[in-house]
Amino acid sequence: MAEVYRQIIEKVKPELAKAMFFLEKELAKLRTGRASTSLVEDIMVPCFGQNLPLKQLGAISISEPRQIVIQPWDKSYIEPIIGAFSKQNMGLSPVVDKDVIRINLPLVDEEYRKNIVKIVSEIEEEAKKTIRKWRDEAWDEIQEKFKEGIVREDDKFRGKDELQKLIDDHNKKVEEAGERKKKEIMF
């Protein structure tokens, strides 16, 4: 049977993976001057009496380094898609070209880049906060099991060390993802 403290740590791993997935998804949404489908695919579009992500209403592709092309599955989606972009306040101006929507990304100025770098840092901090929360919960559970006599004292400290190593690894991954995005933005 696995040590109790290891079971507690194993329970935290999927939550840490979710935090990393959320971080990557949020970073992918930030506009860097290069076209990426992730900038627009999750924009919610009012259609059929509900809000649907854009990726469910058409094909999204990149035709040029700074142009996103959306080809709706049905022409009736064009107006709601255009309307959704006007509500987003992302600085993107979609243009209807026959049956497709083209979005040309404007050049990014130095001030915009600096603001995006700040946002990247905020997203990083949010991810680290979530990771700390899961560390604290796991450590509290290990200490509780120690008080109940289920975990021995040496296992408690072994668990603390293993948990901290796991947390340090995830914090390093957060920092690396943030640095990659910052380089992409400042390039």
N, C-alpha and C. Protein backbone atom coordinates (compact mmCIF):
# COMPACT_ATOMS: atom_id res chain seq x y z
N MET A 1 0.84 -1.19 0.00
CA MET A 1 0.00 0.00 0.00
C MET A 1 0.89 1.26 0.00
N ALA A 2 0.52 2.18 -0.84
CA ALA A 2 1.30 3.42 -0.92
C ALA A 2 1.15 4.20 0.38
N GLU A 3 2.19 4.92 0.69
CA GLU A 3 2.14 5.76 1.88
C GLU A 3 0.99 6.75 1.75
N VAL A 4 0.36 7.06 2.85
CA VAL A 4 -0.79 7.97 2.87
C VAL A 4 -0.41 9.34 2.33
N TYR A 5 0.78 9.84 2.72
CA TYR A 5 1.18 11.16 2.26
C TYR A 5 1.33 11.19 0.73
N ARG A 6 1.78 10.07 0.14
CA ARG A 6 1.92 10.01 -1.32
C ARG A 6 0.55 10.06 -1.99
N GLN A 7 -0.42 9.40 -1.38
CA GLN A 7 -1.79 9.44 -1.93
C GLN A 7 -2.32 10.87 -1.93
N ILE A 8 -2.04 11.61 -0.88
CA ILE A 8 -2.48 13.00 -0.78
C ILE A 8 -1.82 13.83 -1.88
N ILE A 9 -0.52 13.62 -2.08
CA ILE A 9 0.20 14.35 -3.12
C ILE A 9 -0.34 13.98 -4.50
N GLU A 10 -0.64 12.71 -4.71
CA GLU A 10 -1.19 12.27 -6.01
C GLU A 10 -2.53 12.93 -6.31
N LYS A 11 -3.33 13.16 -5.25
CA LYS A 11 -4.63 13.82 -5.45
C LYS A 11 -4.47 15.26 -5.95
N VAL A 12 -3.34 15.89 -5.61
CA VAL A 12 -3.10 17.29 -5.97
C VAL A 12 -2.62 17.43 -7.42
N LYS A 13 -1.95 16.41 -7.94
CA LYS A 13 -1.34 16.50 -9.28
C LYS A 13 -2.33 16.89 -10.39
N PRO A 14 -3.53 16.30 -10.43
CA PRO A 14 -4.46 16.73 -11.50
C PRO A 14 -4.87 18.20 -11.37
N GLU A 15 -4.96 18.69 -10.15
CA GLU A 15 -5.32 20.09 -9.94
C GLU A 15 -4.20 21.01 -10.43
N LEU A 16 -2.97 20.61 -10.19
CA LEU A 16 -1.83 21.39 -10.67
C LEU A 16 -1.78 21.37 -12.20
N ALA A 17 -2.11 20.23 -12.78
CA ALA A 17 -2.15 20.13 -14.25
C ALA A 17 -3.23 21.06 -14.81
N LYS A 18 -4.36 21.15 -14.12
CA LYS A 18 -5.42 22.07 -14.57
C LYS A 18 -4.95 23.52 -14.51
N ALA A 19 -4.20 23.87 -13.47
CA ALA A 19 -3.68 25.23 -13.35
C ALA A 19 -2.73 25.54 -14.50
N MET A 20 -1.90 24.56 -14.88
CA MET A 20 -0.97 24.75 -16.00
C MET A 20 -1.73 24.88 -17.32
N PHE A 21 -2.77 24.08 -17.49
CA PHE A 21 -3.58 24.15 -18.72
C PHE A 21 -4.25 25.52 -18.83
N PHE A 22 -4.80 26.00 -17.72
CA PHE A 22 -5.44 27.31 -17.70
C PHE A 22 -4.43 28.40 -18.04
N LEU A 23 -3.23 28.32 -17.47
CA LEU A 23 -2.18 29.29 -17.75
C LEU A 23 -1.86 29.33 -19.25
N GLU A 24 -1.63 28.16 -19.83
CA GLU A 24 -1.28 28.10 -21.26
C GLU A 24 -2.41 28.66 -22.11
N LYS A 25 -3.63 28.35 -21.75
CA LYS A 25 -4.79 28.83 -22.53
C LYS A 25 -4.91 30.35 -22.44
N GLU A 26 -4.73 30.89 -21.25
CA GLU A 26 -4.81 32.35 -21.08
C GLU A 26 -3.67 33.06 -21.81
N LEU A 27 -2.48 32.50 -21.75
CA LEU A 27 -1.35 33.12 -22.45
C LEU A 27 -1.56 33.09 -23.96
N ALA A 28 -2.15 32.01 -24.46
CA ALA A 28 -2.37 31.88 -25.90
C ALA A 28 -3.35 32.93 -26.42
N LYS A 29 -4.21 33.43 -25.55
CA LYS A 29 -5.21 34.42 -25.97
C LYS A 29 -4.62 35.82 -26.15
N LEU A 30 -3.42 36.04 -25.62
CA LEU A 30 -2.82 37.37 -25.69
C LEU A 30 -2.26 37.63 -27.08
N ARG A 31 -2.63 38.78 -27.63
CA ARG A 31 -2.22 39.14 -28.98
C ARG A 31 -0.79 39.66 -28.98
N THR A 32 0.02 39.06 -29.85
CA THR A 32 1.43 39.43 -29.90
C THR A 32 1.82 40.08 -31.23
N GLY A 33 0.88 40.25 -32.13
CA GLY A 33 1.21 40.81 -33.44
C GLY A 33 1.23 39.74 -34.51
N ARG A 34 1.29 38.48 -34.09
CA ARG A 34 1.24 37.36 -35.02
C ARG A 34 -0.14 36.72 -34.88
N ALA A 35 -0.69 36.33 -36.01
CA ALA A 35 -2.01 35.71 -36.01
C ALA A 35 -1.94 34.33 -35.36
N SER A 36 -2.97 34.03 -34.60
CA SER A 36 -3.11 32.72 -33.96
C SER A 36 -4.60 32.45 -33.80
N THR A 37 -5.02 31.25 -34.13
CA THR A 37 -6.44 30.92 -34.01
C THR A 37 -6.91 31.01 -32.55
N SER A 38 -5.99 30.78 -31.60
CA SER A 38 -6.37 30.83 -30.19
C SER A 38 -6.81 32.22 -29.74
N LEU A 39 -6.47 33.25 -30.52
CA LEU A 39 -6.91 34.60 -30.17
C LEU A 39 -8.43 34.73 -30.25
N VAL A 40 -9.05 33.97 -31.15
CA VAL A 40 -10.48 34.17 -31.41
C VAL A 40 -11.35 32.95 -31.20
N GLU A 41 -10.78 31.76 -31.12
CA GLU A 41 -11.60 30.55 -31.14
C GLU A 41 -12.58 30.43 -29.98
N ASP A 42 -12.28 31.04 -28.85
CA ASP A 42 -13.18 30.92 -27.68
C ASP A 42 -14.10 32.12 -27.49
N ILE A 43 -14.10 33.05 -28.44
CA ILE A 43 -15.02 34.19 -28.36
C ILE A 43 -16.44 33.64 -28.43
N MET A 44 -17.26 34.06 -27.48
CA MET A 44 -18.63 33.55 -27.42
C MET A 44 -19.53 34.36 -28.36
N VAL A 45 -20.27 33.63 -29.19
CA VAL A 45 -21.13 34.24 -30.20
C VAL A 45 -22.58 33.86 -29.89
N PRO A 46 -23.48 34.87 -29.79
CA PRO A 46 -24.89 34.54 -29.55
C PRO A 46 -25.50 33.94 -30.83
N CYS A 47 -25.93 32.70 -30.71
CA CYS A 47 -26.46 31.99 -31.88
C CYS A 47 -27.44 30.92 -31.38
N PHE A 48 -28.58 30.79 -32.03
CA PHE A 48 -29.59 29.80 -31.65
C PHE A 48 -30.07 29.96 -30.21
N GLY A 49 -30.11 31.20 -29.72
CA GLY A 49 -30.59 31.46 -28.38
C GLY A 49 -29.61 31.10 -27.28
N GLN A 50 -28.38 30.82 -27.64
CA GLN A 50 -27.36 30.51 -26.63
C GLN A 50 -26.02 31.07 -27.09
N ASN A 51 -25.05 31.07 -26.22
CA ASN A 51 -23.70 31.54 -26.59
C ASN A 51 -22.84 30.34 -26.93
N LEU A 52 -22.27 30.36 -28.14
CA LEU A 52 -21.41 29.27 -28.59
C LEU A 52 -20.02 29.82 -28.89
N PRO A 53 -18.97 29.03 -28.60
CA PRO A 53 -17.62 29.48 -28.97
C PRO A 53 -17.50 29.54 -30.49
N LEU A 54 -16.77 30.52 -30.96
CA LEU A 54 -16.60 30.73 -32.40
C LEU A 54 -16.13 29.47 -33.11
N LYS A 55 -15.26 28.69 -32.47
CA LYS A 55 -14.72 27.49 -33.11
C LYS A 55 -15.81 26.46 -33.45
N GLN A 56 -17.00 26.59 -32.85
CA GLN A 56 -18.10 25.67 -33.17
C GLN A 56 -18.95 26.17 -34.33
N LEU A 57 -18.68 27.41 -34.78
CA LEU A 57 -19.52 28.00 -35.83
C LEU A 57 -18.82 28.13 -37.17
N GLY A 58 -17.54 27.77 -37.24
CA GLY A 58 -16.84 27.88 -38.50
C GLY A 58 -15.40 27.44 -38.41
N ALA A 59 -14.76 27.41 -39.58
CA ALA A 59 -13.34 27.05 -39.66
C ALA A 59 -12.52 28.32 -39.44
N ILE A 60 -11.52 28.23 -38.61
CA ILE A 60 -10.65 29.37 -38.31
C ILE A 60 -9.26 29.00 -38.80
N SER A 61 -8.68 29.88 -39.62
CA SER A 61 -7.35 29.59 -40.15
C SER A 61 -6.51 30.87 -40.21
N ILE A 62 -5.25 30.69 -40.50
CA ILE A 62 -4.32 31.80 -40.65
C ILE A 62 -3.92 31.83 -42.12
N SER A 63 -4.20 32.96 -42.81
CA SER A 63 -3.86 33.03 -44.23
C SER A 63 -2.55 33.78 -44.45
N GLU A 64 -2.20 34.67 -43.54
CA GLU A 64 -0.95 35.44 -43.58
C GLU A 64 -0.48 35.60 -42.15
N PRO A 65 0.77 36.00 -41.94
CA PRO A 65 1.27 36.11 -40.56
C PRO A 65 0.43 37.01 -39.64
N ARG A 66 -0.28 37.99 -40.21
CA ARG A 66 -1.08 38.89 -39.37
C ARG A 66 -2.55 38.87 -39.77
N GLN A 67 -3.03 37.76 -40.35
CA GLN A 67 -4.44 37.71 -40.76
C GLN A 67 -5.09 36.39 -40.35
N ILE A 68 -6.24 36.53 -39.70
CA ILE A 68 -7.05 35.38 -39.32
C ILE A 68 -8.25 35.34 -40.25
N VAL A 69 -8.59 34.15 -40.73
CA VAL A 69 -9.74 33.99 -41.61
C VAL A 69 -10.74 33.06 -40.93
N ILE A 70 -11.99 33.51 -40.88
CA ILE A 70 -13.06 32.70 -40.29
C ILE A 70 -14.05 32.38 -41.41
N GLN A 71 -14.27 31.12 -41.64
CA GLN A 71 -15.23 30.70 -42.65
C GLN A 71 -16.39 30.02 -41.93
N PRO A 72 -17.48 30.80 -41.69
CA PRO A 72 -18.63 30.23 -40.96
C PRO A 72 -19.25 29.05 -41.71
N TRP A 73 -19.76 28.08 -40.97
CA TRP A 73 -20.41 26.92 -41.59
C TRP A 73 -21.66 27.36 -42.34
N ASP A 74 -22.25 28.47 -41.89
CA ASP A 74 -23.49 28.97 -42.50
C ASP A 74 -23.40 30.49 -42.58
N LYS A 75 -23.90 31.06 -43.70
CA LYS A 75 -23.84 32.52 -43.89
C LYS A 75 -24.59 33.27 -42.80
N SER A 76 -25.61 32.65 -42.22
CA SER A 76 -26.41 33.32 -41.20
C SER A 76 -25.60 33.59 -39.92
N TYR A 77 -24.43 32.96 -39.77
CA TYR A 77 -23.59 33.18 -38.59
C TYR A 77 -22.76 34.45 -38.69
N ILE A 78 -22.61 35.00 -39.90
CA ILE A 78 -21.71 36.14 -40.11
C ILE A 78 -22.06 37.32 -39.21
N GLU A 79 -23.32 37.75 -39.21
CA GLU A 79 -23.71 38.91 -38.40
C GLU A 79 -23.48 38.70 -36.90
N PRO A 80 -23.92 37.54 -36.35
CA PRO A 80 -23.64 37.35 -34.91
C PRO A 80 -22.14 37.32 -34.60
N ILE A 81 -21.33 36.78 -35.49
CA ILE A 81 -19.88 36.74 -35.27
C ILE A 81 -19.31 38.16 -35.25
N ILE A 82 -19.71 38.98 -36.22
CA ILE A 82 -19.25 40.37 -36.28
C ILE A 82 -19.68 41.10 -34.99
N GLY A 83 -20.92 40.87 -34.57
CA GLY A 83 -21.43 41.49 -33.34
C GLY A 83 -20.63 41.08 -32.11
N ALA A 84 -20.24 39.80 -32.05
CA ALA A 84 -19.45 39.30 -30.92
C ALA A 84 -18.09 40.00 -30.86
N PHE A 85 -17.50 40.26 -32.02
CA PHE A 85 -16.20 40.95 -32.03
C PHE A 85 -16.33 42.39 -31.55
N SER A 86 -17.43 43.04 -31.90
CA SER A 86 -17.59 44.44 -31.47
C SER A 86 -17.73 44.54 -29.96
N LYS A 87 -18.26 43.49 -29.32
CA LYS A 87 -18.43 43.49 -27.86
C LYS A 87 -17.14 43.11 -27.13
N GLN A 88 -16.19 42.48 -27.83
CA GLN A 88 -14.97 41.99 -27.19
C GLN A 88 -13.99 43.07 -26.80
N ASN A 89 -13.99 44.19 -27.50
CA ASN A 89 -13.06 45.28 -27.22
C ASN A 89 -11.60 44.81 -27.25
N MET A 90 -11.26 44.04 -28.30
CA MET A 90 -9.91 43.50 -28.44
C MET A 90 -9.09 44.32 -29.44
N GLY A 91 -9.69 45.34 -30.02
CA GLY A 91 -8.97 46.12 -31.01
C GLY A 91 -8.88 45.43 -32.35
N LEU A 92 -9.75 44.45 -32.57
CA LEU A 92 -9.76 43.72 -33.84
C LEU A 92 -10.97 44.15 -34.66
N SER A 93 -10.74 44.38 -35.94
CA SER A 93 -11.82 44.82 -36.82
C SER A 93 -12.08 43.78 -37.90
N PRO A 94 -13.10 42.96 -37.71
CA PRO A 94 -13.41 41.96 -38.73
C PRO A 94 -14.01 42.60 -39.98
N VAL A 95 -13.64 42.07 -41.14
CA VAL A 95 -14.14 42.55 -42.42
C VAL A 95 -14.76 41.37 -43.15
N VAL A 96 -16.00 41.55 -43.62
CA VAL A 96 -16.68 40.49 -44.35
C VAL A 96 -16.23 40.55 -45.81
N ASP A 97 -15.78 39.42 -46.33
CA ASP A 97 -15.31 39.29 -47.71
C ASP A 97 -16.04 38.09 -48.31
N LYS A 98 -17.19 38.36 -48.95
CA LYS A 98 -18.08 37.32 -49.48
C LYS A 98 -18.57 36.42 -48.34
N ASP A 99 -18.12 35.15 -48.34
CA ASP A 99 -18.59 34.20 -47.31
C ASP A 99 -17.61 34.02 -46.16
N VAL A 100 -16.55 34.82 -46.13
CA VAL A 100 -15.57 34.68 -45.04
C VAL A 100 -15.39 36.00 -44.29
N ILE A 101 -14.85 35.89 -43.11
CA ILE A 101 -14.55 37.06 -42.29
C ILE A 101 -13.03 37.11 -42.15
N ARG A 102 -12.47 38.26 -42.48
CA ARG A 102 -11.02 38.43 -42.36
C ARG A 102 -10.73 39.41 -41.23
N ILE A 103 -9.72 39.07 -40.45
CA ILE A 103 -9.30 39.95 -39.36
C ILE A 103 -7.81 40.21 -39.55
N ASN A 104 -7.49 41.46 -39.84
CA ASN A 104 -6.09 41.86 -39.96
C ASN A 104 -5.63 42.41 -38.61
N LEU A 105 -4.58 41.83 -38.09
CA LEU A 105 -4.06 42.28 -36.80
C LEU A 105 -3.21 43.53 -37.01
N PRO A 106 -3.49 44.57 -36.26
CA PRO A 106 -2.69 45.79 -36.39
C PRO A 106 -1.27 45.55 -35.85
N LEU A 107 -0.36 46.39 -36.29
CA LEU A 107 0.99 46.33 -35.74
C LEU A 107 0.93 46.68 -34.26
N VAL A 108 1.80 46.09 -33.49
CA VAL A 108 1.79 46.30 -32.06
C VAL A 108 2.87 47.33 -31.69
N ASP A 109 2.47 48.36 -30.94
CA ASP A 109 3.45 49.38 -30.55
C ASP A 109 4.07 49.02 -29.19
N GLU A 110 5.10 49.76 -28.83
CA GLU A 110 5.87 49.49 -27.62
C GLU A 110 5.01 49.55 -26.35
N GLU A 111 4.11 50.52 -26.27
CA GLU A 111 3.24 50.66 -25.10
C GLU A 111 2.34 49.43 -24.95
N TYR A 112 1.78 48.97 -26.07
CA TYR A 112 0.92 47.79 -26.05
C TYR A 112 1.72 46.58 -25.56
N ARG A 113 2.94 46.43 -26.07
CA ARG A 113 3.79 45.30 -25.67
C ARG A 113 4.04 45.32 -24.16
N LYS A 114 4.33 46.50 -23.62
CA LYS A 114 4.60 46.61 -22.18
C LYS A 114 3.36 46.26 -21.36
N ASN A 115 2.19 46.68 -21.84
CA ASN A 115 0.94 46.34 -21.14
C ASN A 115 0.70 44.84 -21.17
N ILE A 116 0.97 44.21 -22.31
CA ILE A 116 0.77 42.76 -22.42
C ILE A 116 1.75 42.02 -21.50
N VAL A 117 2.98 42.50 -21.40
CA VAL A 117 3.95 41.88 -20.49
C VAL A 117 3.43 41.95 -19.05
N LYS A 118 2.81 43.07 -18.67
CA LYS A 118 2.22 43.19 -17.33
C LYS A 118 1.11 42.16 -17.13
N ILE A 119 0.29 42.00 -18.16
CA ILE A 119 -0.81 41.03 -18.09
C ILE A 119 -0.25 39.61 -17.95
N VAL A 120 0.82 39.31 -18.68
CA VAL A 120 1.46 37.99 -18.57
C VAL A 120 1.89 37.76 -17.12
N SER A 121 2.50 38.78 -16.51
CA SER A 121 2.94 38.65 -15.12
C SER A 121 1.76 38.41 -14.18
N GLU A 122 0.63 39.08 -14.44
CA GLU A 122 -0.57 38.88 -13.62
C GLU A 122 -1.10 37.45 -13.77
N ILE A 123 -1.10 36.94 -15.00
CA ILE A 123 -1.57 35.57 -15.25
C ILE A 123 -0.64 34.57 -14.56
N GLU A 124 0.67 34.83 -14.63
CA GLU A 124 1.64 33.97 -13.93
C GLU A 124 1.34 33.95 -12.43
N GLU A 125 1.14 35.13 -11.86
CA GLU A 125 0.90 35.23 -10.41
C GLU A 125 -0.38 34.49 -10.03
N GLU A 126 -1.40 34.60 -10.87
CA GLU A 126 -2.66 33.90 -10.60
C GLU A 126 -2.44 32.38 -10.58
N ALA A 127 -1.66 31.89 -11.54
CA ALA A 127 -1.36 30.45 -11.59
C ALA A 127 -0.57 30.02 -10.35
N LYS A 128 0.40 30.83 -9.95
CA LYS A 128 1.20 30.50 -8.76
C LYS A 128 0.34 30.51 -7.50
N LYS A 129 -0.62 31.43 -7.45
CA LYS A 129 -1.52 31.51 -6.31
C LYS A 129 -2.35 30.21 -6.21
N THR A 130 -2.83 29.74 -7.36
CA THR A 130 -3.60 28.50 -7.39
C THR A 130 -2.73 27.32 -6.94
N ILE A 131 -1.50 27.29 -7.42
CA ILE A 131 -0.57 26.22 -7.04
C ILE A 131 -0.30 26.26 -5.52
N ARG A 132 -0.10 27.45 -4.97
CA ARG A 132 0.10 27.57 -3.52
C ARG A 132 -1.11 27.08 -2.74
N LYS A 133 -2.29 27.39 -3.26
CA LYS A 133 -3.53 26.96 -2.59
C LYS A 133 -3.57 25.43 -2.49
N TRP A 134 -3.22 24.75 -3.59
CA TRP A 134 -3.23 23.28 -3.57
C TRP A 134 -2.13 22.72 -2.69
N ARG A 135 -0.99 23.40 -2.65
CA ARG A 135 0.10 22.97 -1.75
C ARG A 135 -0.39 23.06 -0.30
N ASP A 136 -1.00 24.19 0.05
CA ASP A 136 -1.47 24.38 1.42
C ASP A 136 -2.52 23.34 1.79
N GLU A 137 -3.42 23.05 0.87
CA GLU A 137 -4.46 22.05 1.18
C GLU A 137 -3.85 20.68 1.41
N ALA A 138 -2.90 20.29 0.55
CA ALA A 138 -2.27 18.98 0.70
C ALA A 138 -1.46 18.92 2.00
N TRP A 139 -0.72 19.97 2.30
CA TRP A 139 0.08 20.00 3.53
C TRP A 139 -0.83 19.94 4.76
N ASP A 140 -1.93 20.67 4.73
CA ASP A 140 -2.88 20.62 5.86
C ASP A 140 -3.41 19.20 6.04
N GLU A 141 -3.69 18.52 4.93
CA GLU A 141 -4.22 17.15 5.02
C GLU A 141 -3.16 16.19 5.57
N ILE A 142 -1.91 16.38 5.14
CA ILE A 142 -0.82 15.53 5.66
C ILE A 142 -0.68 15.75 7.17
N GLN A 143 -0.71 17.01 7.61
CA GLN A 143 -0.60 17.31 9.04
C GLN A 143 -1.79 16.73 9.82
N GLU A 144 -2.96 16.79 9.24
CA GLU A 144 -4.15 16.24 9.89
C GLU A 144 -4.01 14.72 10.07
N LYS A 145 -3.50 14.06 9.03
CA LYS A 145 -3.31 12.59 9.11
C LYS A 145 -2.22 12.26 10.15
N PHE A 146 -1.25 13.14 10.30
CA PHE A 146 -0.21 12.95 11.32
C PHE A 146 -0.85 13.04 12.71
N LYS A 147 -1.69 14.07 12.92
CA LYS A 147 -2.35 14.24 14.22
C LYS A 147 -3.25 13.05 14.56
N GLU A 148 -3.84 12.45 13.49
CA GLU A 148 -4.72 11.28 13.70
C GLU A 148 -3.91 10.01 13.90
N GLY A 149 -2.59 10.09 13.72
CA GLY A 149 -1.75 8.90 13.90
C GLY A 149 -1.68 8.03 12.66
N ILE A 150 -2.18 8.49 11.54
CA ILE A 150 -2.18 7.71 10.30
C ILE A 150 -0.84 7.86 9.57
N VAL A 151 -0.23 9.02 9.71
CA VAL A 151 1.06 9.31 9.08
C VAL A 151 2.10 9.45 10.18
N ARG A 152 3.25 8.74 10.00
CA ARG A 152 4.34 8.86 10.97
C ARG A 152 5.05 10.19 10.78
N GLU A 153 5.80 10.61 11.82
CA GLU A 153 6.45 11.92 11.77
C GLU A 153 7.47 12.01 10.63
N ASP A 154 8.28 10.95 10.42
CA ASP A 154 9.27 11.01 9.34
C ASP A 154 8.58 11.05 7.97
N ASP A 155 7.44 10.37 7.85
CA ASP A 155 6.67 10.42 6.59
C ASP A 155 6.06 11.81 6.38
N LYS A 156 5.68 12.44 7.48
CA LYS A 156 5.13 13.80 7.38
C LYS A 156 6.16 14.73 6.73
N PHE A 157 7.40 14.64 7.21
CA PHE A 157 8.44 15.51 6.65
C PHE A 157 8.87 15.07 5.26
N ARG A 158 8.85 13.78 5.00
CA ARG A 158 9.12 13.27 3.65
C ARG A 158 8.05 13.82 2.70
N GLY A 159 6.81 13.79 3.16
CA GLY A 159 5.70 14.30 2.36
C GLY A 159 5.84 15.79 2.09
N LYS A 160 6.27 16.52 3.11
CA LYS A 160 6.46 17.96 2.95
C LYS A 160 7.51 18.23 1.88
N ASP A 161 8.62 17.48 1.92
CA ASP A 161 9.70 17.66 0.94
C ASP A 161 9.24 17.30 -0.48
N GLU A 162 8.55 16.17 -0.61
CA GLU A 162 8.07 15.74 -1.94
C GLU A 162 7.05 16.74 -2.48
N LEU A 163 6.17 17.19 -1.61
CA LEU A 163 5.15 18.16 -2.02
C LEU A 163 5.82 19.46 -2.48
N GLN A 164 6.81 19.92 -1.73
CA GLN A 164 7.49 21.17 -2.10
C GLN A 164 8.24 21.03 -3.41
N LYS A 165 8.83 19.86 -3.66
CA LYS A 165 9.53 19.63 -4.93
C LYS A 165 8.53 19.70 -6.09
N LEU A 166 7.36 19.09 -5.91
CA LEU A 166 6.32 19.12 -6.93
C LEU A 166 5.88 20.57 -7.20
N ILE A 167 5.68 21.32 -6.14
CA ILE A 167 5.26 22.72 -6.26
C ILE A 167 6.34 23.55 -6.94
N ASP A 168 7.60 23.33 -6.55
CA ASP A 168 8.70 24.07 -7.18
C ASP A 168 8.78 23.77 -8.67
N ASP A 169 8.58 22.50 -9.04
CA ASP A 169 8.60 22.13 -10.47
C ASP A 169 7.51 22.87 -11.24
N HIS A 170 6.31 22.93 -10.65
CA HIS A 170 5.20 23.61 -11.33
C HIS A 170 5.42 25.12 -11.40
N ASN A 171 5.95 25.70 -10.33
CA ASN A 171 6.24 27.14 -10.36
C ASN A 171 7.28 27.46 -11.42
N LYS A 172 8.26 26.57 -11.58
CA LYS A 172 9.29 26.76 -12.61
C LYS A 172 8.64 26.72 -14.00
N LYS A 173 7.72 25.78 -14.20
CA LYS A 173 7.02 25.67 -15.49
C LYS A 173 6.20 26.93 -15.77
N VAL A 174 5.58 27.48 -14.73
CA VAL A 174 4.81 28.72 -14.87
C VAL A 174 5.73 29.84 -15.33
N GLU A 175 6.87 29.96 -14.67
CA GLU A 175 7.83 31.01 -15.02
C GLU A 175 8.36 30.84 -16.44
N GLU A 176 8.64 29.60 -16.83
CA GLU A 176 9.14 29.35 -18.18
C GLU A 176 8.10 29.71 -19.23
N ALA A 177 6.84 29.36 -18.97
CA ALA A 177 5.77 29.69 -19.92
C ALA A 177 5.63 31.20 -20.03
N GLY A 178 5.71 31.89 -18.90
CA GLY A 178 5.61 33.35 -18.91
C GLY A 178 6.77 33.98 -19.66
N GLU A 179 7.98 33.48 -19.44
CA GLU A 179 9.16 34.02 -20.14
C GLU A 179 9.05 33.81 -21.65
N ARG A 180 8.58 32.62 -22.06
CA ARG A 180 8.39 32.35 -23.50
C ARG A 180 7.43 33.36 -24.11
N LYS A 181 6.33 33.62 -23.40
CA LYS A 181 5.33 34.56 -23.92
C LYS A 181 5.90 35.98 -23.96
N LYS A 182 6.63 36.36 -22.94
CA LYS A 182 7.22 37.70 -22.90
C LYS A 182 8.21 37.89 -24.05
N LYS A 183 9.01 36.87 -24.34
CA LYS A 183 9.95 36.96 -25.48
C LYS A 183 9.18 37.10 -26.79
N GLU A 184 8.10 36.33 -26.91
CA GLU A 184 7.26 36.38 -28.11
C GLU A 184 6.67 37.77 -28.29
N ILE A 185 6.26 38.38 -27.20
CA ILE A 185 5.65 39.71 -27.24
C ILE A 185 6.67 40.78 -27.59
N MET A 186 7.83 40.70 -26.99
CA MET A 186 8.84 41.74 -27.19
C MET A 186 9.63 41.57 -28.47
N PHE A 187 9.44 40.45 -29.17
CA PHE A 187 10.18 40.17 -30.41
C PHE A 187 9.69 41.05 -31.55
